[in-house]
All heavy atoms as atom14 arrays in JSON, in Angstrom:
{
  "sequence": "FRYRFHVSSLPGKPDLVFPRYKAVLFVQGCFWHQHQCAMFHWPKTRA",
  "atom14_mask": [
    [1, 1, 1, 1, 1, 1, 1, 1, 1, 1, 1, 0, 0, 0],
    [1, 1, 1, 1, 1, 1, 1, 1, 1, 1, 1, 0, 0, 0],
    [1, 1, 1, 1, 1, 1, 1, 1, 1, 1, 1, 1, 0, 0],
    [1, 1, 1, 1, 1, 1, 1, 1, 1, 1, 1, 0, 0, 0],
    [1, 1, 1, 1, 1, 1, 1, 1, 1, 1, 1, 0, 0, 0],
    [1, 1, 1, 1, 1, 1, 1, 1, 1, 1, 0, 0, 0, 0],
    [1, 1, 1, 1, 1, 1, 1, 0, 0, 0, 0, 0, 0, 0],
    [1, 1, 1, 1, 1, 1, 0, 0, 0, 0, 0, 0, 0, 0],
    [1, 1, 1, 1, 1, 1, 0, 0, 0, 0, 0, 0, 0, 0],
    [1, 1, 1, 1, 1, 1, 1, 1, 0, 0, 0, 0, 0, 0],
    [1, 1, 1, 1, 1, 1, 1, 0, 0, 0, 0, 0, 0, 0],
    [1, 1, 1, 1, 0, 0, 0, 0, 0, 0, 0, 0, 0, 0],
    [1, 1, 1, 1, 1, 1, 1, 1, 1, 0, 0, 0, 0, 0],
    [1, 1, 1, 1, 1, 1, 1, 0, 0, 0, 0, 0, 0, 0],
    [1, 1, 1, 1, 1, 1, 1, 1, 0, 0, 0, 0, 0, 0],
    [1, 1, 1, 1, 1, 1, 1, 1, 0, 0, 0, 0, 0, 0],
    [1, 1, 1, 1, 1, 1, 1, 0, 0, 0, 0, 0, 0, 0],
    [1, 1, 1, 1, 1, 1, 1, 1, 1, 1, 1, 0, 0, 0],
    [1, 1, 1, 1, 1, 1, 1, 0, 0, 0, 0, 0, 0, 0],
    [1, 1, 1, 1, 1, 1, 1, 1, 1, 1, 1, 0, 0, 0],
    [1, 1, 1, 1, 1, 1, 1, 1, 1, 1, 1, 1, 0, 0],
    [1, 1, 1, 1, 1, 1, 1, 1, 1, 0, 0, 0, 0, 0],
    [1, 1, 1, 1, 1, 0, 0, 0, 0, 0, 0, 0, 0, 0],
    [1, 1, 1, 1, 1, 1, 1, 0, 0, 0, 0, 0, 0, 0],
    [1, 1, 1, 1, 1, 1, 1, 1, 0, 0, 0, 0, 0, 0],
    [1, 1, 1, 1, 1, 1, 1, 1, 1, 1, 1, 0, 0, 0],
    [1, 1, 1, 1, 1, 1, 1, 0, 0, 0, 0, 0, 0, 0],
    [1, 1, 1, 1, 1, 1, 1, 1, 1, 0, 0, 0, 0, 0],
    [1, 1, 1, 1, 0, 0, 0, 0, 0, 0, 0, 0, 0, 0],
    [1, 1, 1, 1, 1, 1, 0, 0, 0, 0, 0, 0, 0, 0],
    [1, 1, 1, 1, 1, 1, 1, 1, 1, 1, 1, 0, 0, 0],
    [1, 1, 1, 1, 1, 1, 1, 1, 1, 1, 1, 1, 1, 1],
    [1, 1, 1, 1, 1, 1, 1, 1, 1, 1, 0, 0, 0, 0],
    [1, 1, 1, 1, 1, 1, 1, 1, 1, 0, 0, 0, 0, 0],
    [1, 1, 1, 1, 1, 1, 1, 1, 1, 1, 0, 0, 0, 0],
    [1, 1, 1, 1, 1, 1, 1, 1, 1, 0, 0, 0, 0, 0],
    [1, 1, 1, 1, 1, 1, 0, 0, 0, 0, 0, 0, 0, 0],
    [1, 1, 1, 1, 1, 0, 0, 0, 0, 0, 0, 0, 0, 0],
    [1, 1, 1, 1, 1, 1, 1, 1, 0, 0, 0, 0, 0, 0],
    [1, 1, 1, 1, 1, 1, 1, 1, 1, 1, 1, 0, 0, 0],
    [1, 1, 1, 1, 1, 1, 1, 1, 1, 1, 0, 0, 0, 0],
    [1, 1, 1, 1, 1, 1, 1, 1, 1, 1, 1, 1, 1, 1],
    [1, 1, 1, 1, 1, 1, 1, 0, 0, 0, 0, 0, 0, 0],
    [1, 1, 1, 1, 1, 1, 1, 1, 1, 0, 0, 0, 0, 0],
    [1, 1, 1, 1, 1, 1, 1, 0, 0, 0, 0, 0, 0, 0],
    [1, 1, 1, 1, 1, 1, 1, 1, 1, 1, 1, 0, 0, 0],
    [1, 1, 1, 1, 1, 0, 0, 0, 0, 0, 0, 0, 0, 0]
  ],
  "atom14_positions": [
    [[0.84, -1.2, 0.0], [0.0, 0.0, 0.0], [0.87, 1.25, 0.0], [1.88, 1.31, 0.69], [-0.92, 0.02, 1.22], [-2.02, -0.99, 1.13], [-1.9, -2.2, 1.78], [-3.15, -0.74, 0.38], [-2.9, -3.15, 1.69], [-4.16, -1.68, 0.29], [-4.03, -2.89, 0.94], [0.0, 0.0, 0.0], [0.0, 0.0, 0.0], [0.0, 0.0, 0.0]],
    [[0.46, 2.22, -0.79], [1.16, 3.49, -0.84], [0.22, 4.58, -0.34], [-0.98, 4.54, -0.58], [1.63, 3.8, -2.27], [2.6, 2.76, -2.81], [3.85, 2.65, -1.91], [4.77, 1.62, -2.36], [4.95, 0.46, -1.74], [4.23, 0.14, -0.68], [5.82, -0.41, -2.18], [0.0, 0.0, 0.0], [0.0, 0.0, 0.0], [0.0, 0.0, 0.0]],
    [[0.78, 5.51, 0.38], [-0.02, 6.5, 1.06], [0.79, 7.77, 1.25], [2.01, 7.79, 1.04], [-0.46, 5.97, 2.44], [0.69, 5.34, 3.2], [1.6, 6.13, 3.88], [0.88, 3.96, 3.18], [2.67, 5.55, 4.55], [1.94, 3.39, 3.85], [2.83, 4.19, 4.53], [3.89, 3.61, 5.18], [0.0, 0.0, 0.0], [0.0, 0.0, 0.0]],
    [[0.12, 8.82, 1.63], [0.76, 10.04, 2.07], [0.48, 10.15, 3.56], [-0.47, 9.55, 4.05], [0.17, 11.23, 1.32], [0.47, 11.16, -0.17], [-0.23, 12.23, -0.98], [0.08, 13.56, -0.46], [-0.74, 14.59, -0.6], [-1.9, 14.46, -1.23], [-0.42, 15.77, -0.12], [0.0, 0.0, 0.0], [0.0, 0.0, 0.0], [0.0, 0.0, 0.0]],
    [[1.31, 10.88, 4.27], [1.02, 11.0, 5.69], [1.01, 12.45, 6.15], [1.66, 13.3, 5.58], [1.93, 10.15, 6.57], [3.38, 10.17, 6.21], [4.24, 11.07, 6.76], [3.88, 9.23, 5.32], [5.57, 11.07, 6.44], [5.22, 9.22, 4.99], [6.07, 10.15, 5.55], [0.0, 0.0, 0.0], [0.0, 0.0, 0.0], [0.0, 0.0, 0.0]],
    [[0.14, 12.7, 7.14], [-0.01, 14.02, 7.77], [-0.32, 15.1, 6.73], [0.34, 16.14, 6.7], [1.21, 14.37, 8.61], [1.56, 13.31, 9.6], [0.76, 13.02, 10.68], [2.6, 12.44, 9.65], [1.31, 12.03, 11.37], [2.41, 11.65, 10.76], [0.0, 0.0, 0.0], [0.0, 0.0, 0.0], [0.0, 0.0, 0.0], [0.0, 0.0, 0.0]],
    [[-1.32, 14.86, 5.92], [-1.71, 15.82, 4.87], [-2.43, 16.99, 5.54], [-3.55, 16.85, 6.04], [-2.6, 15.13, 3.82], [-3.08, 16.14, 2.79], [-1.84, 14.0, 3.15], [0.0, 0.0, 0.0], [0.0, 0.0, 0.0], [0.0, 0.0, 0.0], [0.0, 0.0, 0.0], [0.0, 0.0, 0.0], [0.0, 0.0, 0.0], [0.0, 0.0, 0.0]],
    [[-1.78, 18.14, 5.53], [-2.31, 19.3, 6.26], [-3.53, 19.92, 5.6], [-4.26, 20.67, 6.24], [-1.22, 20.35, 6.44], [-0.74, 20.78, 5.19], [0.0, 0.0, 0.0], [0.0, 0.0, 0.0], [0.0, 0.0, 0.0], [0.0, 0.0, 0.0], [0.0, 0.0, 0.0], [0.0, 0.0, 0.0], [0.0, 0.0, 0.0], [0.0, 0.0, 0.0]],
    [[-3.8, 19.6, 4.33], [-4.96, 20.18, 3.66], [-6.26, 19.46, 4.05], [-7.34, 19.94, 3.73], [-4.78, 20.14, 2.14], [-4.64, 18.81, 1.7], [0.0, 0.0, 0.0], [0.0, 0.0, 0.0], [0.0, 0.0, 0.0], [0.0, 0.0, 0.0], [0.0, 0.0, 0.0], [0.0, 0.0, 0.0], [0.0, 0.0, 0.0], [0.0, 0.0, 0.0]],
    [[-6.16, 18.32, 4.72], [-7.35, 17.59, 5.17], [-7.61, 17.88, 6.65], [-6.67, 18.07, 7.43], [-7.16, 16.08, 4.99], [-7.16, 15.59, 3.55], [-6.82, 14.1, 3.51], [-8.51, 15.83, 2.91], [0.0, 0.0, 0.0], [0.0, 0.0, 0.0], [0.0, 0.0, 0.0], [0.0, 0.0, 0.0], [0.0, 0.0, 0.0], [0.0, 0.0, 0.0]],
    [[-8.89, 17.89, 7.05], [-9.21, 18.12, 8.46], [-8.53, 17.09, 9.36], [-8.53, 15.9, 9.06], [-10.73, 17.95, 8.51], [-11.2, 18.2, 7.13], [-10.08, 17.74, 6.23], [0.0, 0.0, 0.0], [0.0, 0.0, 0.0], [0.0, 0.0, 0.0], [0.0, 0.0, 0.0], [0.0, 0.0, 0.0], [0.0, 0.0, 0.0], [0.0, 0.0, 0.0]],
    [[-7.91, 17.55, 10.43], [-7.3, 16.66, 11.4], [-5.94, 16.12, 11.01], [-5.35, 15.35, 11.76], [0.0, 0.0, 0.0], [0.0, 0.0, 0.0], [0.0, 0.0, 0.0], [0.0, 0.0, 0.0], [0.0, 0.0, 0.0], [0.0, 0.0, 0.0], [0.0, 0.0, 0.0], [0.0, 0.0, 0.0], [0.0, 0.0, 0.0], [0.0, 0.0, 0.0]],
    [[-5.4, 16.48, 9.86], [-4.11, 15.97, 9.37], [-4.0, 14.46, 9.61], [-3.25, 14.02, 10.48], [-2.94, 16.67, 10.03], [-2.75, 18.1, 9.59], [-1.38, 18.59, 9.99], [-1.53, 19.73, 10.94], [-0.26, 20.22, 11.44], [0.0, 0.0, 0.0], [0.0, 0.0, 0.0], [0.0, 0.0, 0.0], [0.0, 0.0, 0.0], [0.0, 0.0, 0.0]],
    [[-4.77, 13.65, 8.89], [-4.77, 12.2, 9.13], [-3.37, 11.6, 9.08], [-2.51, 12.05, 8.33], [-5.62, 11.65, 7.98], [-6.4, 12.81, 7.48], [-5.58, 14.03, 7.75], [0.0, 0.0, 0.0], [0.0, 0.0, 0.0], [0.0, 0.0, 0.0], [0.0, 0.0, 0.0], [0.0, 0.0, 0.0], [0.0, 0.0, 0.0], [0.0, 0.0, 0.0]],
    [[-3.17, 10.55, 9.89], [-1.86, 9.89, 9.95], [-1.5, 9.29, 8.6], [-0.36, 9.42, 8.15], [-1.86, 8.81, 11.03], [-2.08, 9.41, 12.42], [-1.54, 10.49, 12.69], [-2.79, 8.78, 13.22], [0.0, 0.0, 0.0], [0.0, 0.0, 0.0], [0.0, 0.0, 0.0], [0.0, 0.0, 0.0], [0.0, 0.0, 0.0], [0.0, 0.0, 0.0]],
    [[-2.45, 8.6, 7.97], [-2.21, 8.02, 6.64], [-3.35, 8.4, 5.72], [-4.52, 8.31, 6.1], [-2.14, 6.49, 6.72], [-1.04, 5.89, 7.59], [-1.16, 4.38, 7.62], [0.32, 6.29, 7.09], [0.0, 0.0, 0.0], [0.0, 0.0, 0.0], [0.0, 0.0, 0.0], [0.0, 0.0, 0.0], [0.0, 0.0, 0.0], [0.0, 0.0, 0.0]],
    [[-3.01, 8.79, 4.5], [-4.01, 9.16, 3.5], [-3.78, 8.29, 2.28], [-2.67, 8.23, 1.74], [-3.9, 10.66, 3.12], [-4.91, 11.01, 2.05], [-4.09, 11.53, 4.34], [0.0, 0.0, 0.0], [0.0, 0.0, 0.0], [0.0, 0.0, 0.0], [0.0, 0.0, 0.0], [0.0, 0.0, 0.0], [0.0, 0.0, 0.0], [0.0, 0.0, 0.0]],
    [[-4.84, 7.59, 1.87], [-4.79, 6.73, 0.69], [-5.61, 7.41, -0.41], [-6.8, 7.14, -0.56], [-5.39, 5.35, 1.01], [-4.68, 4.64, 2.12], [-5.06, 4.81, 3.45], [-3.63, 3.78, 1.86], [-4.42, 4.16, 4.48], [-2.97, 3.11, 2.88], [-3.36, 3.3, 4.19], [0.0, 0.0, 0.0], [0.0, 0.0, 0.0], [0.0, 0.0, 0.0]],
    [[-4.98, 8.31, -1.2], [-5.74, 9.06, -2.21], [-6.44, 8.15, -3.21], [-7.56, 8.45, -3.65], [-4.69, 9.92, -2.9], [-3.53, 9.97, -1.97], [-3.57, 8.69, -1.18], [0.0, 0.0, 0.0], [0.0, 0.0, 0.0], [0.0, 0.0, 0.0], [0.0, 0.0, 0.0], [0.0, 0.0, 0.0], [0.0, 0.0, 0.0], [0.0, 0.0, 0.0]],
    [[-5.8, 7.05, -3.58], [-6.37, 6.12, -4.56], [-7.74, 5.6, -4.11], [-8.63, 5.38, -4.92], [-5.4, 4.96, -4.76], [-5.89, 3.88, -5.65], [-4.86, 2.79, -5.78], [-5.36, 1.7, -6.59], [-4.74, 0.58, -6.77], [-3.57, 0.38, -6.21], [-5.26, -0.36, -7.51], [0.0, 0.0, 0.0], [0.0, 0.0, 0.0], [0.0, 0.0, 0.0]],
    [[-7.91, 5.41, -2.81], [-9.15, 4.87, -2.27], [-10.03, 5.96, -1.64], [-11.12, 5.67, -1.15], [-8.84, 3.83, -1.18], [-8.01, 2.68, -1.68], [-6.63, 2.66, -1.48], [-8.59, 1.62, -2.35], [-5.85, 1.61, -1.93], [-7.82, 0.56, -2.81], [-6.45, 0.56, -2.6], [-5.69, -0.48, -3.05], [0.0, 0.0, 0.0], [0.0, 0.0, 0.0]],
    [[-9.53, 7.19, -1.61], [-10.18, 8.31, -0.91], [-10.51, 7.89, 0.53], [-11.63, 7.97, 0.99], [-11.42, 8.8, -1.64], [-11.79, 10.2, -1.18], [-12.57, 10.99, -2.17], [-12.7, 12.4, -1.6], [-13.6, 13.22, -2.32], [0.0, 0.0, 0.0], [0.0, 0.0, 0.0], [0.0, 0.0, 0.0], [0.0, 0.0, 0.0], [0.0, 0.0, 0.0]],
    [[-9.45, 7.42, 1.19], [-9.58, 6.9, 2.56], [-8.46, 7.48, 3.43], [-7.36, 7.75, 2.94], [-9.51, 5.38, 2.55], [0.0, 0.0, 0.0], [0.0, 0.0, 0.0], [0.0, 0.0, 0.0], [0.0, 0.0, 0.0], [0.0, 0.0, 0.0], [0.0, 0.0, 0.0], [0.0, 0.0, 0.0], [0.0, 0.0, 0.0], [0.0, 0.0, 0.0]],
    [[-8.78, 7.66, 4.71], [-7.79, 8.12, 5.68], [-7.78, 7.18, 6.88], [-8.79, 6.54, 7.18], [-8.07, 9.57, 6.15], [-8.01, 10.54, 5.0], [-9.39, 9.68, 6.88], [0.0, 0.0, 0.0], [0.0, 0.0, 0.0], [0.0, 0.0, 0.0], [0.0, 0.0, 0.0], [0.0, 0.0, 0.0], [0.0, 0.0, 0.0], [0.0, 0.0, 0.0]],
    [[-6.63, 7.12, 7.53], [-6.48, 6.24, 8.69], [-5.83, 7.05, 9.81], [-4.85, 7.76, 9.58], [-5.6, 5.05, 8.29], [-5.44, 3.95, 9.31], [-5.39, 2.61, 8.6], [-4.19, 4.15, 10.12], [0.0, 0.0, 0.0], [0.0, 0.0, 0.0], [0.0, 0.0, 0.0], [0.0, 0.0, 0.0], [0.0, 0.0, 0.0], [0.0, 0.0, 0.0]],
    [[-6.42, 6.95, 10.99], [-5.85, 7.58, 12.18], [-5.39, 6.47, 13.11], [-6.12, 5.51, 13.35], [-6.9, 8.41, 12.92], [-7.32, 9.66, 12.21], [-8.44, 9.66, 11.39], [-6.61, 10.84, 12.37], [-8.84, 10.82, 10.74], [-7.01, 12.0, 11.73], [-8.12, 11.99, 10.92], [0.0, 0.0, 0.0], [0.0, 0.0, 0.0], [0.0, 0.0, 0.0]],
    [[-4.17, 6.59, 13.65], [-3.69, 5.68, 14.68], [-3.88, 6.43, 16.0], [-3.21, 7.44, 16.25], [-2.22, 5.3, 14.46], [-1.75, 4.35, 15.55], [-2.02, 4.68, 13.08], [0.0, 0.0, 0.0], [0.0, 0.0, 0.0], [0.0, 0.0, 0.0], [0.0, 0.0, 0.0], [0.0, 0.0, 0.0], [0.0, 0.0, 0.0], [0.0, 0.0, 0.0]],
    [[-4.82, 5.95, 16.82], [-5.24, 6.67, 18.02], [-4.67, 6.03, 19.28], [-4.73, 4.82, 19.44], [-6.78, 6.64, 18.15], [-7.51, 7.2, 16.95], [-7.59, 8.71, 16.96], [-6.59, 9.39, 17.14], [-8.77, 9.23, 16.74], [0.0, 0.0, 0.0], [0.0, 0.0, 0.0], [0.0, 0.0, 0.0], [0.0, 0.0, 0.0], [0.0, 0.0, 0.0]],
    [[-4.19, 6.85, 20.18], [-3.78, 6.4, 21.5], [-5.02, 6.22, 22.37], [-5.88, 7.1, 22.42], [0.0, 0.0, 0.0], [0.0, 0.0, 0.0], [0.0, 0.0, 0.0], [0.0, 0.0, 0.0], [0.0, 0.0, 0.0], [0.0, 0.0, 0.0], [0.0, 0.0, 0.0], [0.0, 0.0, 0.0], [0.0, 0.0, 0.0], [0.0, 0.0, 0.0]],
    [[-5.12, 5.09, 23.03], [-6.32, 4.79, 23.82], [-6.54, 5.8, 24.95], [-7.67, 6.17, 25.22], [-6.25, 3.37, 24.37], [-6.28, 2.12, 23.08], [0.0, 0.0, 0.0], [0.0, 0.0, 0.0], [0.0, 0.0, 0.0], [0.0, 0.0, 0.0], [0.0, 0.0, 0.0], [0.0, 0.0, 0.0], [0.0, 0.0, 0.0], [0.0, 0.0, 0.0]],
    [[-5.47, 6.26, 25.59], [-5.63, 7.23, 26.67], [-6.06, 8.59, 26.15], [-7.04, 9.16, 26.6], [-4.33, 7.37, 27.47], [-4.4, 8.47, 28.5], [-5.14, 8.29, 29.66], [-3.76, 9.68, 28.28], [-5.23, 9.32, 30.6], [-3.85, 10.7, 29.22], [-4.58, 10.53, 30.38], [0.0, 0.0, 0.0], [0.0, 0.0, 0.0], [0.0, 0.0, 0.0]],
    [[-5.35, 9.11, 25.19], [-5.6, 10.47, 24.72], [-6.94, 10.63, 24.0], [-7.48, 11.72, 23.9], [-4.47, 10.94, 23.8], [-3.18, 11.06, 24.53], [-2.13, 10.19, 24.47], [-2.8, 12.07, 25.46], [-1.12, 10.6, 25.31], [-1.51, 11.77, 25.92], [-3.44, 13.21, 25.94], [-0.84, 12.56, 26.84], [-2.75, 14.0, 26.85], [-1.47, 13.68, 27.3]],
    [[-7.46, 9.53, 23.46], [-8.7, 9.62, 22.67], [-9.85, 8.84, 23.3], [-10.84, 8.58, 22.64], [-8.42, 9.16, 21.23], [-7.39, 10.02, 20.58], [-7.7, 11.2, 19.96], [-6.04, 9.89, 20.48], [-6.58, 11.75, 19.49], [-5.57, 10.98, 19.81], [0.0, 0.0, 0.0], [0.0, 0.0, 0.0], [0.0, 0.0, 0.0], [0.0, 0.0, 0.0]],
    [[-9.71, 8.46, 24.56], [-10.78, 7.86, 25.38], [-11.4, 6.62, 24.75], [-12.6, 6.51, 24.62], [-11.86, 8.92, 25.66], [-12.83, 8.52, 26.72], [-13.92, 9.56, 26.93], [-13.89, 10.65, 26.39], [-14.89, 9.2, 27.73], [0.0, 0.0, 0.0], [0.0, 0.0, 0.0], [0.0, 0.0, 0.0], [0.0, 0.0, 0.0], [0.0, 0.0, 0.0]],
    [[-10.55, 5.66, 24.4], [-11.07, 4.39, 23.9], [-11.51, 3.56, 25.1], [-10.81, 3.47, 26.1], [-9.97, 3.66, 23.13], [-10.46, 2.43, 22.45], [-9.78, 1.25, 22.51], [-11.54, 2.2, 21.67], [-10.42, 0.34, 21.8], [-11.49, 0.89, 21.29], [0.0, 0.0, 0.0], [0.0, 0.0, 0.0], [0.0, 0.0, 0.0], [0.0, 0.0, 0.0]],
    [[-12.67, 2.96, 25.0], [-13.2, 2.17, 26.12], [-12.6, 0.76, 26.09], [-13.25, -0.19, 25.68], [-14.72, 2.14, 26.07], [-15.35, 3.51, 26.19], [-14.9, 4.25, 27.45], [-14.94, 3.72, 28.55], [-14.46, 5.49, 27.29], [0.0, 0.0, 0.0], [0.0, 0.0, 0.0], [0.0, 0.0, 0.0], [0.0, 0.0, 0.0], [0.0, 0.0, 0.0]],
    [[-11.37, 0.68, 26.51], [-10.66, -0.61, 26.56], [-9.85, -0.67, 27.85], [-9.87, 0.27, 28.65], [-9.75, -0.76, 25.33], [-8.31, 0.34, 25.35], [0.0, 0.0, 0.0], [0.0, 0.0, 0.0], [0.0, 0.0, 0.0], [0.0, 0.0, 0.0], [0.0, 0.0, 0.0], [0.0, 0.0, 0.0], [0.0, 0.0, 0.0], [0.0, 0.0, 0.0]],
    [[-9.13, -1.75, 28.03], [-8.35, -1.94, 29.26], [-7.2, -0.93, 29.38], [-6.71, -0.68, 30.48], [-7.79, -3.36, 29.29], [0.0, 0.0, 0.0], [0.0, 0.0, 0.0], [0.0, 0.0, 0.0], [0.0, 0.0, 0.0], [0.0, 0.0, 0.0], [0.0, 0.0, 0.0], [0.0, 0.0, 0.0], [0.0, 0.0, 0.0], [0.0, 0.0, 0.0]],
    [[-6.77, -0.32, 28.28], [-5.65, 0.62, 28.32], [-6.08, 2.02, 28.75], [-5.23, 2.87, 29.02], [-4.95, 0.67, 26.97], [-4.24, -0.62, 26.63], [-3.37, -0.53, 25.06], [-1.93, 0.4, 25.53], [0.0, 0.0, 0.0], [0.0, 0.0, 0.0], [0.0, 0.0, 0.0], [0.0, 0.0, 0.0], [0.0, 0.0, 0.0], [0.0, 0.0, 0.0]],
    [[-7.39, 2.28, 28.78], [-7.85, 3.62, 29.17], [-8.33, 3.61, 30.61], [-9.05, 2.72, 31.04], [-9.0, 4.09, 28.27], [-9.55, 5.41, 28.71], [-8.86, 6.58, 28.45], [-10.73, 5.49, 29.43], [-9.34, 7.81, 28.88], [-11.22, 6.72, 29.87], [-10.53, 7.88, 29.59], [0.0, 0.0, 0.0], [0.0, 0.0, 0.0], [0.0, 0.0, 0.0]],
    [[-7.91, 4.62, 31.34], [-8.42, 4.85, 32.69], [-8.36, 6.35, 32.96], [-7.49, 7.05, 32.44], [-7.6, 4.08, 33.73], [-6.18, 4.54, 33.81], [-5.22, 4.12, 32.91], [-5.55, 5.4, 34.64], [-4.06, 4.7, 33.2], [-4.24, 5.49, 34.25], [0.0, 0.0, 0.0], [0.0, 0.0, 0.0], [0.0, 0.0, 0.0], [0.0, 0.0, 0.0]],
    [[-9.3, 6.83, 33.74], [-9.3, 8.24, 34.11], [-8.22, 8.47, 35.16], [-8.15, 7.74, 36.14], [-10.66, 8.67, 34.66], [-11.71, 8.72, 33.61], [-12.73, 7.84, 33.42], [-11.86, 9.72, 32.59], [-13.5, 8.23, 32.34], [-12.98, 9.39, 31.82], [-11.14, 10.86, 32.25], [-13.41, 10.14, 30.73], [-11.57, 11.62, 31.17], [-12.68, 11.27, 30.43]],
    [[-7.38, 9.49, 34.97], [-6.37, 9.8, 35.98], [-7.02, 10.18, 37.32], [-8.1, 10.75, 37.35], [-5.63, 11.01, 35.39], [-5.89, 10.93, 33.93], [-7.26, 10.34, 33.78], [0.0, 0.0, 0.0], [0.0, 0.0, 0.0], [0.0, 0.0, 0.0], [0.0, 0.0, 0.0], [0.0, 0.0, 0.0], [0.0, 0.0, 0.0], [0.0, 0.0, 0.0]],
    [[-6.36, 9.85, 38.4], [-6.89, 10.14, 39.73], [-6.51, 11.55, 40.2], [-7.22, 12.14, 41.0], [-6.4, 9.09, 40.71], [-7.03, 7.73, 40.45], [-6.57, 6.72, 41.47], [-7.27, 5.39, 41.35], [-7.19, 4.71, 40.09], [0.0, 0.0, 0.0], [0.0, 0.0, 0.0], [0.0, 0.0, 0.0], [0.0, 0.0, 0.0], [0.0, 0.0, 0.0]],
    [[-5.38, 12.07, 39.71], [-4.99, 13.43, 40.09], [-5.46, 14.4, 39.02], [-5.52, 14.06, 37.83], [-3.46, 13.54, 40.24], [-2.84, 13.2, 39.02], [-2.96, 12.64, 41.35], [0.0, 0.0, 0.0], [0.0, 0.0, 0.0], [0.0, 0.0, 0.0], [0.0, 0.0, 0.0], [0.0, 0.0, 0.0], [0.0, 0.0, 0.0], [0.0, 0.0, 0.0]],
    [[-5.84, 15.59, 39.44], [-6.36, 16.63, 38.54], [-7.46, 16.07, 37.66], [-7.52, 16.32, 36.46], [-5.23, 17.22, 37.7], [-4.14, 17.89, 38.53], [-3.12, 18.58, 37.7], [-3.74, 19.7, 36.99], [-3.23, 20.23, 35.88], [-2.12, 19.76, 35.37], [-3.83, 21.24, 35.3], [0.0, 0.0, 0.0], [0.0, 0.0, 0.0], [0.0, 0.0, 0.0]],
    [[-8.33, 15.31, 38.27], [-9.38, 14.59, 37.54], [-10.25, 15.51, 36.7], [-10.57, 15.18, 35.54], [-10.24, 13.79, 38.52], [0.0, 0.0, 0.0], [0.0, 0.0, 0.0], [0.0, 0.0, 0.0], [0.0, 0.0, 0.0], [0.0, 0.0, 0.0], [0.0, 0.0, 0.0], [0.0, 0.0, 0.0], [0.0, 0.0, 0.0], [0.0, 0.0, 0.0]]
  ]
}
């Protein structure tokens, strides 16, 4: 697969852009983006 990355002309500057398919892919950190999985937990300090 060939792609461009961090295309600033698209909203959110997607991590990977596949122009051929008109598709974008974001690689999200579970903590920073609040994924409901075992890797996410609310911090106890400065909650």
